[in-house]
């Protein structure tokens, strides 16, 4: 959803900046368009970073220690580029 939102904001900002040719006295439409394009790029980059972070696989192993009878939980997270062990 974040990637689409970033693209949407960028496109709306570009339309406001480059396609609209009228002036409003109390607001600068070019500035608003540039701000929306900047916000769209930032949201797009942050969303890409978050997606790349989530690509790691998580594995939970639960076992019972025979010596003490305790439950042991081990969690491992590895990215797709890590070799399988």
N, C-alpha and C. Protein backbone atom coordinates (compact mmCIF):
# COMPACT_ATOMS: atom_id res chain seq x y z
N UNK A 1 0.82 -1.19 0.00
CA UNK A 1 0.00 0.00 0.00
C UNK A 1 0.87 1.26 0.00
N UNK A 2 1.99 1.22 0.70
CA UNK A 2 2.86 2.38 0.77
C UNK A 2 3.49 2.73 -0.56
N UNK A 3 3.84 1.71 -1.33
CA UNK A 3 4.46 1.95 -2.64
C UNK A 3 3.45 2.65 -3.56
N UNK A 4 2.23 2.18 -3.55
CA UNK A 4 1.19 2.80 -4.37
C UNK A 4 0.87 4.22 -3.92
N UNK A 5 0.89 4.45 -2.62
CA UNK A 5 0.64 5.80 -2.11
C UNK A 5 1.75 6.75 -2.53
N UNK A 6 2.99 6.29 -2.48
CA UNK A 6 4.11 7.11 -2.92
C UNK A 6 4.01 7.48 -4.38
N UNK A 7 3.67 6.50 -5.21
CA UNK A 7 3.53 6.76 -6.65
C UNK A 7 2.37 7.73 -6.89
N UNK A 8 1.26 7.53 -6.18
CA UNK A 8 0.10 8.40 -6.33
C UNK A 8 0.44 9.85 -5.98
N UNK A 9 1.11 10.05 -4.84
CA UNK A 9 1.48 11.41 -4.45
C UNK A 9 2.42 12.05 -5.46
N UNK A 10 3.36 11.27 -5.97
CA UNK A 10 4.28 11.81 -6.97
C UNK A 10 3.54 12.25 -8.23
N UNK A 11 2.61 11.42 -8.69
CA UNK A 11 1.87 11.73 -9.92
C UNK A 11 0.97 12.96 -9.70
N UNK A 12 0.29 13.01 -8.57
CA UNK A 12 -0.57 14.18 -8.30
C UNK A 12 0.28 15.44 -8.22
N UNK A 13 1.43 15.36 -7.56
CA UNK A 13 2.32 16.52 -7.48
C UNK A 13 2.82 16.96 -8.84
N UNK A 14 3.15 16.00 -9.71
CA UNK A 14 3.61 16.34 -11.05
C UNK A 14 2.49 16.99 -11.86
N UNK A 15 1.27 16.50 -11.71
CA UNK A 15 0.14 17.11 -12.42
C UNK A 15 -0.08 18.53 -11.94
N UNK A 16 -0.06 18.74 -10.63
CA UNK A 16 -0.27 20.09 -10.09
C UNK A 16 0.84 21.02 -10.55
N UNK A 17 2.08 20.53 -10.57
CA UNK A 17 3.20 21.39 -10.92
C UNK A 17 3.26 21.70 -12.41
N UNK A 18 3.14 20.68 -13.25
CA UNK A 18 3.42 20.87 -14.67
C UNK A 18 2.18 20.99 -15.57
N UNK A 19 1.03 20.48 -15.14
CA UNK A 19 -0.13 20.46 -16.04
C UNK A 19 -1.11 21.59 -15.77
N UNK A 20 -1.17 22.06 -14.55
CA UNK A 20 -2.12 23.13 -14.24
C UNK A 20 -1.46 24.48 -14.50
N UNK A 21 -2.14 25.32 -15.27
CA UNK A 21 -1.57 26.61 -15.65
C UNK A 21 -2.42 27.78 -15.17
N UNK A 22 -2.99 27.68 -14.00
CA UNK A 22 -3.71 28.82 -13.48
C UNK A 22 -3.11 29.22 -12.14
N UNK A 23 -3.37 30.45 -11.75
CA UNK A 23 -2.76 31.01 -10.53
C UNK A 23 -3.84 31.18 -9.46
N UNK A 24 -3.45 30.90 -8.26
CA UNK A 24 -4.30 31.14 -7.10
C UNK A 24 -3.56 32.14 -6.23
N UNK A 25 -4.25 33.17 -5.76
CA UNK A 25 -3.58 34.25 -5.05
C UNK A 25 -2.99 33.83 -3.71
N UNK A 26 -3.68 32.98 -2.98
CA UNK A 26 -3.27 32.68 -1.60
C UNK A 26 -2.38 31.45 -1.47
N UNK A 27 -2.09 30.75 -2.56
CA UNK A 27 -1.24 29.56 -2.47
C UNK A 27 -0.43 29.40 -3.76
N UNK A 28 0.78 28.91 -3.62
CA UNK A 28 1.64 28.65 -4.77
C UNK A 28 1.50 27.18 -5.16
N UNK A 29 0.81 26.92 -6.27
CA UNK A 29 0.55 25.54 -6.69
C UNK A 29 1.83 24.80 -7.08
N UNK A 30 2.81 25.51 -7.62
CA UNK A 30 4.07 24.84 -7.96
C UNK A 30 4.75 24.30 -6.71
N UNK A 31 4.76 25.07 -5.64
CA UNK A 31 5.37 24.63 -4.39
C UNK A 31 4.64 23.42 -3.83
N UNK A 32 3.32 23.45 -3.85
CA UNK A 32 2.55 22.31 -3.36
C UNK A 32 2.85 21.07 -4.20
N UNK A 33 2.94 21.24 -5.51
CA UNK A 33 3.26 20.11 -6.38
C UNK A 33 4.63 19.52 -6.08
N UNK A 34 5.62 20.38 -5.89
CA UNK A 34 6.97 19.90 -5.56
C UNK A 34 6.98 19.20 -4.21
N UNK A 35 6.24 19.74 -3.23
CA UNK A 35 6.17 19.09 -1.93
C UNK A 35 5.52 17.71 -2.02
N UNK A 36 4.46 17.60 -2.80
CA UNK A 36 3.81 16.30 -2.98
C UNK A 36 4.73 15.31 -3.69
N UNK A 37 5.47 15.77 -4.68
CA UNK A 37 6.41 14.87 -5.36
C UNK A 37 7.51 14.41 -4.41
N UNK A 38 8.01 15.33 -3.58
CA UNK A 38 9.03 14.96 -2.60
C UNK A 38 8.51 13.96 -1.58
N UNK A 39 7.30 14.20 -1.09
CA UNK A 39 6.70 13.28 -0.13
C UNK A 39 6.46 11.91 -0.77
N UNK A 40 6.06 11.90 -2.04
CA UNK A 40 5.85 10.63 -2.74
C UNK A 40 7.13 9.83 -2.86
N UNK A 41 8.23 10.51 -3.17
CA UNK A 41 9.51 9.81 -3.29
C UNK A 41 9.95 9.25 -1.94
N UNK A 42 9.79 10.05 -0.88
CA UNK A 42 10.18 9.58 0.46
C UNK A 42 9.35 8.38 0.88
N UNK A 43 8.04 8.43 0.69
CA UNK A 43 7.17 7.31 1.05
C UNK A 43 7.52 6.08 0.22
N UNK A 44 7.80 6.26 -1.06
CA UNK A 44 8.16 5.14 -1.93
C UNK A 44 9.44 4.46 -1.44
N UNK A 45 10.46 5.24 -1.10
CA UNK A 45 11.73 4.68 -0.65
C UNK A 45 11.57 3.97 0.69
N UNK A 46 10.85 4.60 1.62
CA UNK A 46 10.63 3.96 2.93
C UNK A 46 9.86 2.66 2.76
N UNK A 47 8.87 2.64 1.88
CA UNK A 47 8.10 1.42 1.65
C UNK A 47 8.96 0.32 1.05
N UNK A 48 9.84 0.68 0.12
CA UNK A 48 10.75 -0.33 -0.44
C UNK A 48 11.67 -0.91 0.62
N UNK A 49 12.18 -0.07 1.51
CA UNK A 49 13.04 -0.56 2.58
C UNK A 49 12.27 -1.51 3.49
N UNK A 50 11.04 -1.15 3.83
CA UNK A 50 10.24 -2.02 4.70
C UNK A 50 9.92 -3.35 4.03
N UNK A 51 9.66 -3.34 2.74
CA UNK A 51 9.37 -4.58 2.02
C UNK A 51 10.61 -5.48 2.00
N UNK A 52 11.78 -4.88 1.79
CA UNK A 52 13.01 -5.67 1.76
C UNK A 52 13.31 -6.26 3.14
N UNK A 53 12.97 -5.54 4.20
CA UNK A 53 13.17 -6.05 5.55
C UNK A 53 12.27 -7.25 5.83
N UNK A 54 11.05 -7.21 5.33
CA UNK A 54 10.09 -8.28 5.59
C UNK A 54 10.38 -9.54 4.78
N UNK A 55 11.25 -9.46 3.81
CA UNK A 55 11.54 -10.62 2.98
C UNK A 55 12.27 -11.73 3.71
N UNK A 56 12.84 -11.43 4.86
CA UNK A 56 13.53 -12.45 5.64
C UNK A 56 12.52 -13.48 6.14
N UNK A 57 12.95 -14.72 6.24
CA UNK A 57 12.07 -15.77 6.73
C UNK A 57 12.36 -15.98 8.20
N UNK A 58 11.34 -16.29 8.93
CA UNK A 58 11.47 -16.50 10.36
C UNK A 58 11.11 -17.95 10.66
N UNK A 59 11.90 -18.56 11.51
CA UNK A 59 11.68 -19.96 11.85
C UNK A 59 11.71 -20.08 13.36
N UNK A 60 10.70 -20.71 13.93
CA UNK A 60 10.64 -20.92 15.37
C UNK A 60 10.71 -22.41 15.64
N UNK A 61 11.63 -22.82 16.50
CA UNK A 61 11.79 -24.22 16.86
C UNK A 61 11.54 -24.34 18.36
N UNK A 62 10.61 -25.18 18.74
CA UNK A 62 10.33 -25.41 20.15
C UNK A 62 10.67 -26.85 20.47
N UNK A 63 11.37 -27.01 21.55
CA UNK A 63 11.75 -28.36 21.97
C UNK A 63 11.80 -28.42 23.48
N UNK A 64 11.87 -29.62 24.01
CA UNK A 64 11.95 -29.84 25.45
C UNK A 64 13.35 -30.37 25.75
N UNK A 65 14.02 -29.72 26.69
CA UNK A 65 15.35 -30.14 27.11
C UNK A 65 15.21 -31.42 27.94
N UNK A 66 15.85 -32.50 27.51
CA UNK A 66 15.73 -33.79 28.18
C UNK A 66 16.34 -33.77 29.58
N UNK A 67 17.42 -33.03 29.77
CA UNK A 67 18.11 -33.05 31.06
C UNK A 67 17.28 -32.35 32.14
N UNK A 68 16.79 -31.17 31.87
CA UNK A 68 16.09 -30.39 32.90
C UNK A 68 14.58 -30.37 32.72
N UNK A 69 14.07 -30.83 31.62
CA UNK A 69 12.65 -30.81 31.35
C UNK A 69 12.12 -29.43 31.01
N UNK A 70 13.01 -28.51 30.67
CA UNK A 70 12.60 -27.15 30.35
C UNK A 70 12.23 -27.03 28.88
N UNK A 71 11.30 -26.14 28.61
CA UNK A 71 10.94 -25.86 27.23
C UNK A 71 11.93 -24.84 26.68
N UNK A 72 12.44 -25.11 25.51
CA UNK A 72 13.41 -24.23 24.86
C UNK A 72 12.80 -23.74 23.56
N UNK A 73 12.79 -22.42 23.37
CA UNK A 73 12.30 -21.84 22.13
C UNK A 73 13.44 -21.09 21.47
N UNK A 74 13.67 -21.40 20.21
CA UNK A 74 14.74 -20.75 19.45
C UNK A 74 14.13 -20.15 18.21
N UNK A 75 14.40 -18.88 17.98
CA UNK A 75 13.88 -18.20 16.79
C UNK A 75 15.05 -17.77 15.94
N UNK A 76 14.94 -18.02 14.65
CA UNK A 76 15.97 -17.61 13.71
C UNK A 76 15.33 -16.81 12.59
N UNK A 77 15.99 -15.75 12.20
CA UNK A 77 15.55 -14.97 11.06
C UNK A 77 16.72 -14.87 10.09
N UNK A 78 16.45 -15.21 8.84
CA UNK A 78 17.49 -15.12 7.83
C UNK A 78 16.87 -14.53 6.57
N UNK A 79 17.69 -13.87 5.81
CA UNK A 79 17.20 -13.30 4.56
C UNK A 79 17.27 -14.37 3.48
N UNK A 80 16.65 -14.07 2.35
CA UNK A 80 16.63 -15.04 1.24
C UNK A 80 18.03 -15.27 0.67
N UNK A 81 18.94 -14.33 0.87
CA UNK A 81 20.28 -14.48 0.29
C UNK A 81 21.18 -15.34 1.16
N UNK A 82 20.78 -15.62 2.43
CA UNK A 82 21.60 -16.47 3.29
C UNK A 82 21.52 -17.91 2.82
N UNK A 83 22.62 -18.63 2.86
CA UNK A 83 22.57 -20.05 2.46
C UNK A 83 21.85 -20.88 3.50
N UNK A 84 21.22 -21.92 3.05
CA UNK A 84 20.54 -22.83 3.96
C UNK A 84 21.56 -23.65 4.70
N UNK A 85 21.31 -23.86 5.98
CA UNK A 85 22.25 -24.62 6.81
C UNK A 85 21.67 -25.97 7.08
